[in-house]
Protein backbone atom coordinates (compact mmCIF):
# COMPACT_ATOMS: atom_id res chain seq x y z
CA UNK A 1 1.00 -28.61 10.38
CA UNK A 2 0.84 -28.52 7.01
CA UNK A 3 -2.20 -26.29 6.92
CA UNK A 4 -0.76 -23.87 9.36
CA UNK A 5 2.24 -23.36 6.77
CA UNK A 6 0.18 -22.81 4.01
CA UNK A 7 -2.45 -20.31 5.86
CA UNK A 8 0.81 -18.28 6.97
CA UNK A 9 2.14 -18.30 3.12
CA UNK A 10 -1.22 -17.06 1.89
CA UNK A 11 -1.63 -14.34 4.96
CA UNK A 12 1.90 -12.90 3.57
CA UNK A 13 1.00 -13.25 -0.08
CA UNK A 14 -2.23 -11.29 0.75
CA UNK A 15 0.15 -8.64 2.75
CA UNK A 16 2.21 -8.10 0.01
CA UNK A 17 -0.54 -7.38 -2.87
CA UNK A 18 -1.61 -5.21 -0.65
CA UNK A 19 1.46 -3.44 0.02
CA UNK A 20 2.21 -3.28 -3.76
CA UNK A 21 -1.47 -1.96 -4.60
CA UNK A 22 -1.51 0.72 -2.03
CA UNK A 23 2.12 1.67 -3.66
CA UNK A 24 0.58 1.78 -6.94
CA UNK A 25 -2.17 3.46 -6.16
CA UNK A 26 0.22 5.95 -4.32
CA UNK A 27 2.20 6.91 -7.26
CA UNK A 28 -0.57 7.00 -9.79
CA UNK A 29 -2.38 9.89 -7.55
CA UNK A 30 1.08 11.46 -7.57
CA UNK A 31 1.63 11.37 -11.54
CA UNK A 32 -1.70 12.40 -11.99
CA UNK A 33 -2.69 9.15 -13.99
CA UNK A 34 -5.27 8.50 -10.92
CA UNK A 35 -7.35 11.56 -9.36
CA UNK A 36 -10.27 12.45 -7.18
CA UNK A 37 -13.15 14.31 -8.85
CA UNK A 38 -13.77 17.56 -7.33
CA UNK A 39 -10.40 17.65 -5.36
CA UNK A 40 -7.88 19.96 -6.88
CA UNK A 41 -4.72 17.98 -8.18
CA UNK A 42 -2.46 19.27 -5.08
CA UNK A 43 -4.52 17.47 -2.74
CA UNK A 44 -4.82 14.34 -4.85
CA UNK A 45 -0.65 14.53 -4.88
CA UNK A 46 -0.52 15.34 -1.04
CA UNK A 47 -2.81 12.10 -0.62
CA UNK A 48 -0.77 10.34 -2.91
CA UNK A 49 2.16 11.00 -0.75
CA UNK A 50 0.22 10.08 2.50
CA UNK A 51 -0.44 6.54 0.91
CA UNK A 52 2.89 5.84 0.00
CA UNK A 53 4.73 7.09 3.33
CA UNK A 54 2.07 5.51 5.59
CA UNK A 55 2.35 2.16 3.21
CA UNK A 56 6.06 2.31 3.61
CA UNK A 57 5.56 3.02 7.27
CA UNK A 58 3.39 0.00 8.11
CA UNK A 59 5.43 -2.84 6.01
CA UNK A 60 8.81 -1.64 8.03
CA UNK A 61 7.00 -1.88 11.10
CA UNK A 62 5.40 -5.28 10.12
CA UNK A 63 8.60 -6.63 8.92
CA UNK A 64 10.22 -5.48 12.24
CA UNK A 65 7.66 -7.28 14.17
CA UNK A 66 8.40 -10.45 12.25
């Protein structure tokens, strides 16, 4: 019983870490701090917005599933 609860907590922490990292990467791409070589800045910014929108959407869907 305790092992299952610990596993559940660790899964949540891993999921939350992934969401935070994804948002950090997305915002860094939008701000121009993180860029993709050989791609124009506007494409990198659009990709950053895509990362942010899909991350928020997937987080909302995951929370609604709970």
